[in-house]
Structure formats: structure tokens, C-alpha cells
N, C-alpha and C. Protein backbone atom coordinates (compact mmCIF):
# COMPACT_ATOMS: atom_id res chain seq x y z
N MET A 1 0.85 -1.18 0.00
CA MET A 1 0.00 0.00 0.00
C MET A 1 0.90 1.24 0.00
N SER A 2 0.43 2.30 -0.67
CA SER A 2 1.23 3.50 -0.84
C SER A 2 1.09 4.46 0.35
N ILE A 3 2.05 5.40 0.44
CA ILE A 3 2.02 6.42 1.49
C ILE A 3 0.74 7.26 1.40
N PRO A 4 0.33 7.72 0.20
CA PRO A 4 -0.92 8.48 0.12
C PRO A 4 -2.13 7.69 0.66
N ASN A 5 -2.16 6.38 0.41
CA ASN A 5 -3.27 5.58 0.92
C ASN A 5 -3.25 5.48 2.44
N TYR A 6 -2.06 5.41 3.02
CA TYR A 6 -1.95 5.42 4.48
C TYR A 6 -2.47 6.74 5.05
N LEU A 7 -2.15 7.84 4.38
CA LEU A 7 -2.65 9.15 4.83
C LEU A 7 -4.18 9.21 4.75
N THR A 8 -4.73 8.63 3.71
CA THR A 8 -6.19 8.59 3.56
C THR A 8 -6.80 7.74 4.68
N LEU A 9 -6.18 6.61 4.97
CA LEU A 9 -6.67 5.77 6.07
C LEU A 9 -6.58 6.51 7.41
N LEU A 10 -5.53 7.28 7.59
CA LEU A 10 -5.40 8.09 8.80
C LEU A 10 -6.58 9.06 8.91
N ARG A 11 -6.96 9.68 7.80
CA ARG A 11 -8.09 10.60 7.80
C ARG A 11 -9.38 9.87 8.20
N ILE A 12 -9.55 8.66 7.72
CA ILE A 12 -10.73 7.86 8.09
C ILE A 12 -10.71 7.54 9.58
N ILE A 13 -9.55 7.18 10.10
CA ILE A 13 -9.41 6.86 11.53
C ILE A 13 -9.63 8.10 12.39
N LEU A 14 -9.20 9.27 11.93
CA LEU A 14 -9.37 10.51 12.68
C LEU A 14 -10.82 10.96 12.76
N THR A 15 -11.64 10.53 11.81
CA THR A 15 -13.03 11.00 11.74
C THR A 15 -13.83 10.73 13.01
N PRO A 16 -13.86 9.49 13.54
CA PRO A 16 -14.63 9.30 14.78
C PRO A 16 -14.05 10.05 15.98
N VAL A 17 -12.75 10.26 15.99
CA VAL A 17 -12.13 11.03 17.07
C VAL A 17 -12.58 12.49 16.97
N PHE A 18 -12.62 13.01 15.74
CA PHE A 18 -13.10 14.36 15.50
C PHE A 18 -14.56 14.50 15.95
N ILE A 19 -15.40 13.56 15.54
CA ILE A 19 -16.82 13.60 15.89
C ILE A 19 -17.00 13.59 17.41
N THR A 20 -16.29 12.70 18.07
CA THR A 20 -16.41 12.57 19.52
C THR A 20 -16.01 13.87 20.21
N SER A 21 -14.91 14.47 19.77
CA SER A 21 -14.47 15.75 20.36
C SER A 21 -15.51 16.84 20.11
N LEU A 22 -16.04 16.88 18.89
CA LEU A 22 -16.99 17.94 18.53
C LEU A 22 -18.29 17.81 19.31
N ILE A 23 -18.87 16.64 19.34
CA ILE A 23 -20.18 16.51 20.01
C ILE A 23 -20.06 16.53 21.53
N SER A 24 -18.86 16.34 22.05
CA SER A 24 -18.64 16.41 23.50
C SER A 24 -18.34 17.83 23.97
N TYR A 25 -18.13 18.73 23.02
CA TYR A 25 -17.77 20.11 23.35
C TYR A 25 -18.92 20.84 24.04
N SER A 26 -18.55 21.64 25.02
CA SER A 26 -19.45 22.58 25.67
C SER A 26 -18.59 23.73 26.17
N PRO A 27 -19.19 24.88 26.50
CA PRO A 27 -18.36 26.02 26.93
C PRO A 27 -17.45 25.70 28.12
N GLU A 28 -17.91 24.83 29.01
CA GLU A 28 -17.06 24.48 30.14
C GLU A 28 -15.98 23.45 29.77
N LYS A 29 -16.06 22.92 28.56
CA LYS A 29 -15.05 21.99 28.04
C LYS A 29 -14.47 22.56 26.74
N GLU A 30 -14.00 23.80 26.83
CA GLU A 30 -13.48 24.52 25.65
C GLU A 30 -12.33 23.76 24.98
N TYR A 31 -11.56 23.03 25.77
CA TYR A 31 -10.44 22.28 25.22
C TYR A 31 -10.89 21.27 24.16
N LEU A 32 -12.13 20.78 24.26
CA LEU A 32 -12.62 19.82 23.27
C LEU A 32 -12.82 20.48 21.90
N ARG A 33 -13.18 21.78 21.89
CA ARG A 33 -13.27 22.49 20.61
C ARG A 33 -11.89 22.59 19.99
N TYR A 34 -10.90 22.86 20.82
CA TYR A 34 -9.52 22.92 20.31
C TYR A 34 -9.06 21.56 19.79
N TRP A 35 -9.44 20.50 20.50
CA TRP A 35 -9.11 19.16 20.03
C TRP A 35 -9.78 18.89 18.68
N ALA A 36 -11.07 19.21 18.61
CA ALA A 36 -11.80 18.99 17.36
C ALA A 36 -11.15 19.80 16.23
N LEU A 37 -10.79 21.04 16.54
CA LEU A 37 -10.13 21.90 15.55
C LEU A 37 -8.81 21.30 15.09
N ALA A 38 -7.98 20.86 16.02
CA ALA A 38 -6.67 20.29 15.68
C ALA A 38 -6.83 19.00 14.88
N ILE A 39 -7.76 18.17 15.28
CA ILE A 39 -7.97 16.90 14.57
C ILE A 39 -8.49 17.16 13.16
N PHE A 40 -9.43 18.10 13.04
CA PHE A 40 -9.97 18.43 11.72
C PHE A 40 -8.89 19.04 10.83
N ALA A 41 -8.08 19.92 11.40
CA ALA A 41 -6.98 20.52 10.62
C ALA A 41 -6.00 19.45 10.16
N LEU A 42 -5.67 18.51 11.04
CA LEU A 42 -4.77 17.41 10.66
C LEU A 42 -5.40 16.56 9.56
N ALA A 43 -6.67 16.27 9.68
CA ALA A 43 -7.37 15.49 8.66
C ALA A 43 -7.37 16.24 7.33
N GLY A 44 -7.60 17.55 7.37
CA GLY A 44 -7.56 18.36 6.15
C GLY A 44 -6.18 18.37 5.53
N LEU A 45 -5.17 18.41 6.37
CA LEU A 45 -3.79 18.38 5.90
C LEU A 45 -3.49 17.05 5.21
N THR A 46 -3.97 15.95 5.78
CA THR A 46 -3.75 14.65 5.13
C THR A 46 -4.44 14.59 3.78
N ASP A 47 -5.58 15.28 3.66
CA ASP A 47 -6.29 15.31 2.37
C ASP A 47 -5.44 15.99 1.31
N ALA A 48 -4.87 17.13 1.66
CA ALA A 48 -4.02 17.85 0.70
C ALA A 48 -2.75 17.05 0.42
N LEU A 49 -2.14 16.53 1.47
CA LEU A 49 -0.87 15.84 1.34
C LEU A 49 -0.96 14.54 0.55
N ASP A 50 -2.05 13.78 0.74
CA ASP A 50 -2.14 12.51 0.01
C ASP A 50 -2.25 12.73 -1.49
N GLY A 51 -2.97 13.79 -1.89
CA GLY A 51 -3.07 14.09 -3.32
C GLY A 51 -1.76 14.54 -3.91
N ILE A 52 -1.05 15.41 -3.19
CA ILE A 52 0.25 15.89 -3.66
C ILE A 52 1.24 14.73 -3.77
N LEU A 53 1.31 13.92 -2.72
CA LEU A 53 2.26 12.79 -2.73
C LEU A 53 1.92 11.77 -3.80
N ALA A 54 0.64 11.52 -4.02
CA ALA A 54 0.25 10.56 -5.06
C ALA A 54 0.75 11.01 -6.43
N ARG A 55 0.69 12.32 -6.68
CA ARG A 55 1.17 12.83 -7.97
C ARG A 55 2.70 12.86 -8.03
N VAL A 56 3.32 13.42 -6.99
CA VAL A 56 4.77 13.58 -6.99
C VAL A 56 5.49 12.23 -6.99
N LEU A 57 5.01 11.31 -6.16
CA LEU A 57 5.65 9.99 -6.06
C LEU A 57 5.12 9.00 -7.10
N ARG A 58 4.18 9.48 -7.91
CA ARG A 58 3.54 8.62 -8.92
C ARG A 58 2.98 7.36 -8.26
N GLN A 59 2.21 7.60 -7.19
CA GLN A 59 1.62 6.50 -6.44
C GLN A 59 0.09 6.57 -6.46
N LYS A 60 -0.46 7.02 -7.59
CA LYS A 60 -1.91 6.99 -7.73
C LYS A 60 -2.34 5.54 -7.86
N THR A 61 -3.35 5.15 -7.09
CA THR A 61 -3.83 3.77 -7.12
C THR A 61 -5.35 3.75 -7.26
N ALA A 62 -5.86 2.61 -7.72
CA ALA A 62 -7.31 2.45 -7.82
C ALA A 62 -7.94 2.53 -6.43
N LEU A 63 -7.25 1.95 -5.43
CA LEU A 63 -7.75 2.02 -4.06
C LEU A 63 -7.82 3.47 -3.60
N GLY A 64 -6.80 4.26 -3.88
CA GLY A 64 -6.77 5.66 -3.49
C GLY A 64 -7.87 6.47 -4.15
N GLU A 65 -8.19 6.14 -5.40
CA GLU A 65 -9.25 6.86 -6.12
C GLU A 65 -10.62 6.61 -5.49
N ILE A 66 -10.76 5.49 -4.79
CA ILE A 66 -12.01 5.19 -4.10
C ILE A 66 -11.97 5.71 -2.66
N LEU A 67 -10.86 5.42 -1.97
CA LEU A 67 -10.76 5.79 -0.55
C LEU A 67 -10.71 7.30 -0.31
N ASP A 68 -10.02 8.05 -1.15
CA ASP A 68 -9.86 9.48 -0.91
C ASP A 68 -11.19 10.21 -0.88
N PRO A 69 -12.04 10.09 -1.91
CA PRO A 69 -13.33 10.78 -1.82
C PRO A 69 -14.22 10.22 -0.70
N LEU A 70 -14.09 8.91 -0.43
CA LEU A 70 -14.86 8.32 0.66
C LEU A 70 -14.45 8.93 2.00
N ALA A 71 -13.15 9.08 2.21
CA ALA A 71 -12.64 9.69 3.45
C ALA A 71 -13.13 11.13 3.57
N ASP A 72 -13.12 11.87 2.47
CA ASP A 72 -13.62 13.25 2.47
C ASP A 72 -15.09 13.28 2.88
N LYS A 73 -15.88 12.41 2.27
CA LYS A 73 -17.32 12.37 2.56
C LYS A 73 -17.57 12.02 4.02
N LEU A 74 -16.86 11.02 4.53
CA LEU A 74 -17.03 10.62 5.93
C LEU A 74 -16.72 11.79 6.87
N LEU A 75 -15.61 12.45 6.62
CA LEU A 75 -15.19 13.55 7.48
C LEU A 75 -16.18 14.72 7.40
N LEU A 76 -16.51 15.13 6.20
CA LEU A 76 -17.38 16.30 6.02
C LEU A 76 -18.82 16.03 6.47
N LEU A 77 -19.39 14.92 6.02
CA LEU A 77 -20.77 14.63 6.40
C LEU A 77 -20.90 14.46 7.91
N SER A 78 -19.96 13.75 8.51
CA SER A 78 -20.04 13.55 9.96
C SER A 78 -19.84 14.88 10.68
N GLY A 79 -19.00 15.75 10.16
CA GLY A 79 -18.81 17.06 10.77
C GLY A 79 -20.07 17.90 10.73
N TYR A 80 -20.70 17.97 9.56
CA TYR A 80 -21.92 18.78 9.43
C TYR A 80 -23.08 18.18 10.22
N ILE A 81 -23.20 16.87 10.22
CA ILE A 81 -24.26 16.24 10.99
C ILE A 81 -24.01 16.43 12.48
N SER A 82 -22.76 16.31 12.90
CA SER A 82 -22.43 16.51 14.32
C SER A 82 -22.77 17.92 14.79
N LEU A 83 -22.55 18.90 13.93
CA LEU A 83 -22.87 20.29 14.29
C LEU A 83 -24.35 20.47 14.63
N LEU A 84 -25.20 19.62 14.08
CA LEU A 84 -26.63 19.70 14.39
C LEU A 84 -26.90 19.41 15.86
N PHE A 85 -25.97 18.70 16.51
CA PHE A 85 -26.16 18.29 17.90
C PHE A 85 -25.33 19.09 18.88
N VAL A 86 -24.63 20.11 18.40
CA VAL A 86 -23.77 20.92 19.26
C VAL A 86 -24.35 22.33 19.33
N ASP A 87 -25.08 22.60 20.40
CA ASP A 87 -25.71 23.91 20.55
C ASP A 87 -24.71 24.99 20.92
N SER A 88 -23.61 24.60 21.55
CA SER A 88 -22.69 25.59 22.11
C SER A 88 -21.70 26.17 21.11
N VAL A 89 -21.76 25.74 19.85
CA VAL A 89 -20.90 26.33 18.83
C VAL A 89 -21.47 27.69 18.45
N LEU A 90 -20.60 28.68 18.35
CA LEU A 90 -21.04 30.05 18.12
C LEU A 90 -21.77 30.22 16.78
N TYR A 91 -21.22 29.65 15.71
CA TYR A 91 -21.82 29.75 14.38
C TYR A 91 -22.22 28.36 13.90
N HIS A 92 -23.42 28.28 13.36
CA HIS A 92 -23.89 27.04 12.74
C HIS A 92 -24.23 27.35 11.28
N PRO A 93 -23.95 26.40 10.39
CA PRO A 93 -24.44 26.64 9.03
C PRO A 93 -25.97 26.53 9.06
N PRO A 94 -26.66 27.28 8.22
CA PRO A 94 -28.11 27.12 8.17
C PRO A 94 -28.45 25.65 7.86
N LEU A 95 -29.55 25.18 8.41
CA LEU A 95 -29.93 23.77 8.26
C LEU A 95 -30.02 23.37 6.79
N TRP A 96 -30.50 24.29 5.94
CA TRP A 96 -30.66 23.94 4.52
C TRP A 96 -29.32 23.59 3.88
N ILE A 97 -28.23 24.19 4.35
CA ILE A 97 -26.92 23.90 3.78
C ILE A 97 -26.50 22.48 4.14
N THR A 98 -26.71 22.10 5.39
CA THR A 98 -26.39 20.73 5.80
C THR A 98 -27.23 19.73 5.00
N ILE A 99 -28.51 20.04 4.82
CA ILE A 99 -29.39 19.15 4.04
C ILE A 99 -28.91 19.07 2.59
N VAL A 100 -28.53 20.19 2.00
CA VAL A 100 -28.03 20.20 0.62
C VAL A 100 -26.76 19.35 0.50
N ILE A 101 -25.85 19.49 1.45
CA ILE A 101 -24.61 18.71 1.42
C ILE A 101 -24.91 17.22 1.49
N ILE A 102 -25.78 16.83 2.41
CA ILE A 102 -26.14 15.41 2.55
C ILE A 102 -26.86 14.93 1.30
N PHE A 103 -27.84 15.68 0.83
CA PHE A 103 -28.63 15.28 -0.33
C PHE A 103 -27.76 15.13 -1.57
N ARG A 104 -26.86 16.08 -1.80
CA ARG A 104 -25.97 16.01 -2.96
C ARG A 104 -25.14 14.73 -2.91
N ASP A 105 -24.56 14.44 -1.76
CA ASP A 105 -23.70 13.27 -1.65
C ASP A 105 -24.48 11.96 -1.79
N VAL A 106 -25.71 11.94 -1.28
CA VAL A 106 -26.55 10.74 -1.44
C VAL A 106 -26.91 10.55 -2.92
N VAL A 107 -27.31 11.64 -3.58
CA VAL A 107 -27.68 11.56 -5.00
C VAL A 107 -26.47 11.12 -5.84
N LEU A 108 -25.31 11.71 -5.57
CA LEU A 108 -24.12 11.34 -6.34
C LEU A 108 -23.71 9.89 -6.09
N SER A 109 -23.85 9.42 -4.86
CA SER A 109 -23.52 8.03 -4.55
C SER A 109 -24.47 7.07 -5.24
N ILE A 110 -25.76 7.38 -5.20
CA ILE A 110 -26.75 6.54 -5.89
C ILE A 110 -26.47 6.54 -7.39
N GLY A 111 -26.16 7.72 -7.94
CA GLY A 111 -25.84 7.81 -9.37
C GLY A 111 -24.60 7.01 -9.72
N PHE A 112 -23.58 7.10 -8.90
CA PHE A 112 -22.33 6.35 -9.12
C PHE A 112 -22.62 4.85 -9.18
N PHE A 113 -23.36 4.35 -8.19
CA PHE A 113 -23.64 2.92 -8.16
C PHE A 113 -24.59 2.50 -9.27
N THR A 114 -25.51 3.38 -9.65
CA THR A 114 -26.42 3.07 -10.76
C THR A 114 -25.65 2.96 -12.07
N LEU A 115 -24.77 3.91 -12.35
CA LEU A 115 -23.97 3.84 -13.57
C LEU A 115 -23.07 2.61 -13.55
N HIS A 116 -22.51 2.31 -12.41
CA HIS A 116 -21.66 1.12 -12.31
C HIS A 116 -22.48 -0.14 -12.57
N PHE A 117 -23.68 -0.22 -11.98
CA PHE A 117 -24.56 -1.37 -12.15
C PHE A 117 -24.99 -1.52 -13.61
N LEU A 118 -25.25 -0.38 -14.27
CA LEU A 118 -25.66 -0.41 -15.68
C LEU A 118 -24.48 -0.57 -16.63
N ARG A 119 -23.29 -0.63 -16.05
CA ARG A 119 -22.04 -0.77 -16.82
C ARG A 119 -21.86 0.38 -17.81
N VAL A 120 -22.24 1.56 -17.37
CA VAL A 120 -22.06 2.76 -18.18
C VAL A 120 -20.68 3.34 -17.85
N PRO A 121 -19.82 3.49 -18.85
CA PRO A 121 -18.50 4.06 -18.56
C PRO A 121 -18.63 5.53 -18.14
N PHE A 122 -17.87 5.89 -17.13
CA PHE A 122 -17.92 7.27 -16.65
C PHE A 122 -16.60 7.60 -15.98
N ASP A 123 -16.35 8.89 -15.88
CA ASP A 123 -15.15 9.38 -15.24
C ASP A 123 -15.55 9.94 -13.88
N ALA A 124 -15.12 9.30 -12.81
CA ALA A 124 -15.52 9.71 -11.46
C ALA A 124 -14.57 10.75 -10.86
N LYS A 125 -13.63 11.24 -11.65
CA LYS A 125 -12.68 12.22 -11.12
C LYS A 125 -13.39 13.55 -10.90
N PRO A 126 -13.04 14.23 -9.80
CA PRO A 126 -13.70 15.51 -9.53
C PRO A 126 -13.27 16.60 -10.50
N ASN A 127 -14.22 17.49 -10.80
CA ASN A 127 -13.90 18.64 -11.65
C ASN A 127 -13.53 19.83 -10.75
N LEU A 128 -13.23 20.95 -11.36
CA LEU A 128 -12.79 22.12 -10.60
C LEU A 128 -13.85 22.60 -9.61
N ILE A 129 -15.11 22.61 -10.03
CA ILE A 129 -16.20 23.05 -9.13
C ILE A 129 -16.34 22.06 -7.98
N GLY A 130 -16.21 20.77 -8.27
CA GLY A 130 -16.29 19.75 -7.22
C GLY A 130 -15.18 19.92 -6.19
N LYS A 131 -13.97 20.20 -6.68
CA LYS A 131 -12.84 20.42 -5.77
C LYS A 131 -13.04 21.69 -4.95
N ALA A 132 -13.53 22.74 -5.59
CA ALA A 132 -13.80 23.99 -4.87
C ALA A 132 -14.87 23.77 -3.80
N THR A 133 -15.86 22.96 -4.12
CA THR A 133 -16.92 22.64 -3.16
C THR A 133 -16.33 21.98 -1.92
N THR A 134 -15.45 20.99 -2.13
CA THR A 134 -14.82 20.31 -1.00
C THR A 134 -13.98 21.29 -0.17
N VAL A 135 -13.23 22.15 -0.85
CA VAL A 135 -12.41 23.14 -0.14
C VAL A 135 -13.30 24.06 0.69
N PHE A 136 -14.41 24.53 0.12
CA PHE A 136 -15.30 25.42 0.87
C PHE A 136 -16.00 24.70 2.01
N GLN A 137 -16.40 23.44 1.79
CA GLN A 137 -17.03 22.68 2.87
C GLN A 137 -16.06 22.49 4.03
N MET A 138 -14.80 22.16 3.72
CA MET A 138 -13.79 22.00 4.77
C MET A 138 -13.49 23.34 5.44
N SER A 139 -13.36 24.39 4.63
CA SER A 139 -13.06 25.72 5.17
C SER A 139 -14.17 26.20 6.10
N LEU A 140 -15.41 25.96 5.72
CA LEU A 140 -16.53 26.38 6.56
C LEU A 140 -16.48 25.69 7.92
N LEU A 141 -16.24 24.39 7.93
CA LEU A 141 -16.12 23.69 9.22
C LEU A 141 -14.98 24.27 10.05
N LEU A 142 -13.87 24.54 9.40
CA LEU A 142 -12.72 25.12 10.09
C LEU A 142 -13.07 26.49 10.67
N LEU A 143 -13.72 27.33 9.89
CA LEU A 143 -14.10 28.67 10.35
C LEU A 143 -15.08 28.62 11.52
N ILE A 144 -15.99 27.64 11.48
CA ILE A 144 -16.94 27.46 12.58
C ILE A 144 -16.20 27.07 13.85
N LEU A 145 -15.25 26.15 13.72
CA LEU A 145 -14.48 25.72 14.89
C LEU A 145 -13.58 26.83 15.42
N LEU A 146 -13.15 27.72 14.53
CA LEU A 146 -12.33 28.86 14.95
C LEU A 146 -13.18 30.01 15.54
N LYS A 147 -14.50 29.89 15.38
CA LYS A 147 -15.44 30.94 15.83
C LYS A 147 -15.24 32.25 15.08
N TRP A 148 -14.90 32.18 13.81
CA TRP A 148 -14.69 33.39 13.02
C TRP A 148 -16.00 33.79 12.36
N PRO A 149 -16.39 35.06 12.47
CA PRO A 149 -17.66 35.54 11.89
C PRO A 149 -17.76 35.37 10.37
N VAL A 150 -16.63 35.30 9.68
CA VAL A 150 -16.67 35.13 8.23
C VAL A 150 -17.30 33.79 7.85
N ALA A 151 -17.52 32.92 8.83
CA ALA A 151 -18.19 31.64 8.58
C ALA A 151 -19.59 31.86 8.00
N VAL A 152 -20.23 32.94 8.40
CA VAL A 152 -21.61 33.19 7.94
C VAL A 152 -21.68 33.39 6.42
N PRO A 153 -20.94 34.34 5.82
CA PRO A 153 -21.02 34.45 4.36
C PRO A 153 -20.42 33.24 3.64
N VAL A 154 -19.39 32.64 4.21
CA VAL A 154 -18.78 31.46 3.58
C VAL A 154 -19.80 30.31 3.53
N ALA A 155 -20.69 30.25 4.51
CA ALA A 155 -21.72 29.21 4.51
C ALA A 155 -22.59 29.29 3.26
N TYR A 156 -22.95 30.51 2.86
CA TYR A 156 -23.81 30.68 1.69
C TYR A 156 -23.07 30.36 0.39
N VAL A 157 -21.82 30.73 0.31
CA VAL A 157 -21.00 30.37 -0.87
C VAL A 157 -20.87 28.85 -0.94
N THR A 158 -20.67 28.23 0.21
CA THR A 158 -20.55 26.77 0.28
C THR A 158 -21.84 26.11 -0.20
N GLY A 159 -22.97 26.63 0.25
CA GLY A 159 -24.26 26.08 -0.19
C GLY A 159 -24.44 26.20 -1.69
N PHE A 160 -24.12 27.38 -2.23
CA PHE A 160 -24.23 27.60 -3.67
C PHE A 160 -23.33 26.65 -4.45
N LEU A 161 -22.06 26.52 -4.04
CA LEU A 161 -21.13 25.63 -4.75
C LEU A 161 -21.57 24.17 -4.65
N THR A 162 -22.12 23.78 -3.51
CA THR A 162 -22.59 22.41 -3.34
C THR A 162 -23.71 22.11 -4.32
N ILE A 163 -24.65 23.04 -4.45
CA ILE A 163 -25.76 22.86 -5.40
C ILE A 163 -25.22 22.84 -6.83
N LEU A 164 -24.37 23.79 -7.17
CA LEU A 164 -23.82 23.89 -8.52
C LEU A 164 -23.05 22.62 -8.90
N SER A 165 -22.20 22.15 -8.02
CA SER A 165 -21.42 20.95 -8.35
C SER A 165 -22.32 19.73 -8.49
N GLY A 166 -23.36 19.65 -7.66
CA GLY A 166 -24.31 18.54 -7.78
C GLY A 166 -25.01 18.55 -9.13
N VAL A 167 -25.45 19.72 -9.56
CA VAL A 167 -26.12 19.85 -10.86
C VAL A 167 -25.16 19.47 -11.99
N ILE A 168 -23.92 19.92 -11.90
CA ILE A 168 -22.94 19.60 -12.95
C ILE A 168 -22.69 18.10 -13.03
N TYR A 169 -22.46 17.46 -11.87
CA TYR A 169 -22.20 16.01 -11.86
C TYR A 169 -23.40 15.22 -12.38
N VAL A 170 -24.60 15.60 -11.96
CA VAL A 170 -25.80 14.88 -12.39
C VAL A 170 -26.02 15.06 -13.89
N SER A 171 -25.84 16.28 -14.39
CA SER A 171 -26.04 16.50 -15.82
C SER A 171 -25.02 15.74 -16.66
N LYS A 172 -23.78 15.67 -16.20
CA LYS A 172 -22.77 14.88 -16.91
C LYS A 172 -23.13 13.40 -16.91
N ALA A 173 -23.60 12.91 -15.78
CA ALA A 173 -23.96 11.50 -15.67
C ALA A 173 -25.15 11.16 -16.57
N LEU A 174 -26.14 12.05 -16.60
CA LEU A 174 -27.33 11.79 -17.42
C LEU A 174 -26.97 11.72 -18.92
N LYS A 175 -25.97 12.49 -19.33
CA LYS A 175 -25.55 12.46 -20.74
C LYS A 175 -24.88 11.13 -21.10
N ARG A 176 -24.37 10.42 -20.08
CA ARG A 176 -23.67 9.16 -20.33
C ARG A 176 -24.64 7.98 -20.50
N ILE A 177 -25.84 8.13 -19.99
CA ILE A 177 -26.81 7.03 -20.04
C ILE A 177 -27.41 6.94 -21.44
N PRO A 178 -27.29 5.77 -22.07
CA PRO A 178 -27.85 5.63 -23.41
C PRO A 178 -29.38 5.71 -23.40
N SER A 179 -29.92 6.29 -24.44
CA SER A 179 -31.40 6.47 -24.53
C SER A 179 -32.08 5.19 -24.91
């Protein structure tokens, strides 16, 4: 197994630790917010690093192409869902943004498996808007954990990019299905 794949596995392992720290946070346990922040930042760093190393070391693998987006989804979805249960966080994304993020990922996953089941060839690599969406979703969680007010406008940009990337992926997939 390659170094980038180990980094991706580390991100998957860090996810439940991040969730536990986040949902256990309260104002009297401020250190847990810092733990959640540090763990999330480390997980985000592994996301950037595994992609860079895979290209530089020429260690792109089929396993990595599946695990990397899966690790991203686990981290992000669990983070946004966990925020629904943490009242003591200063900024929350509006509920509709969390619903849009979950809905988009469910629709894309169902579409991915449907195309695979129908044996329709497709390219599952993320496009620029998809990558920007992931960056904004991660940035928004980071800004919320940092308690920075800029989280509020970033939330709306994140929601817009999530919808836009979902529409782009679905429209590309629909064009691949034979009539």
C-alpha cells in the first residue's frame, strides 16, 4: 500500500475522534473544541498531502481513487451532521446547507452505483467546481471551529457551490446514459 493511501486511512481513523471531540464540546469543556479543531486541521492536511504525494511519487492507485473521496465524505458529512447536535458552537451553518450537502452526496452516490450497475462508462474524477466545493465545505467547518464571523457568508457560498457541483455532476452523468 502507498504512502498516500496510508494518509487517507489516517483521515478515516481521525473522523470518529473528531466527531467525539466535537459533540462532547461545551463552553465548560473549551479544550474539546480545540481538540476537534486540531484533529480536523490534521485530517484536512492529510487530504491535501495525500493528493500531492500521489502525484509527486507517482503512487496513484485504484484504491486511493475510491478511498480518498470516501474519506472526504465521511469527514465532512459527519462534521456537518455533528454540528446539528452541538448547541454551544457560536456559528452554525443554516440547516438547509447541511441538508443540501447530505442530499448532494446521497444523489451522487446513488448515481455512481447506478452507472456502475448499468455498466455505463464514466469518469468519477472531480472537476474544478467539485474540488472547490470540498475546499469550501472544509473551510466552513474550520471557520466554525475557529469561531470566526466570516463563517456566515462562507456558509452561503458553500451552499451555492454544493448545489452547482451537484447539478454539474448529475447533468454529466445523465448524458452518459444511453437512450
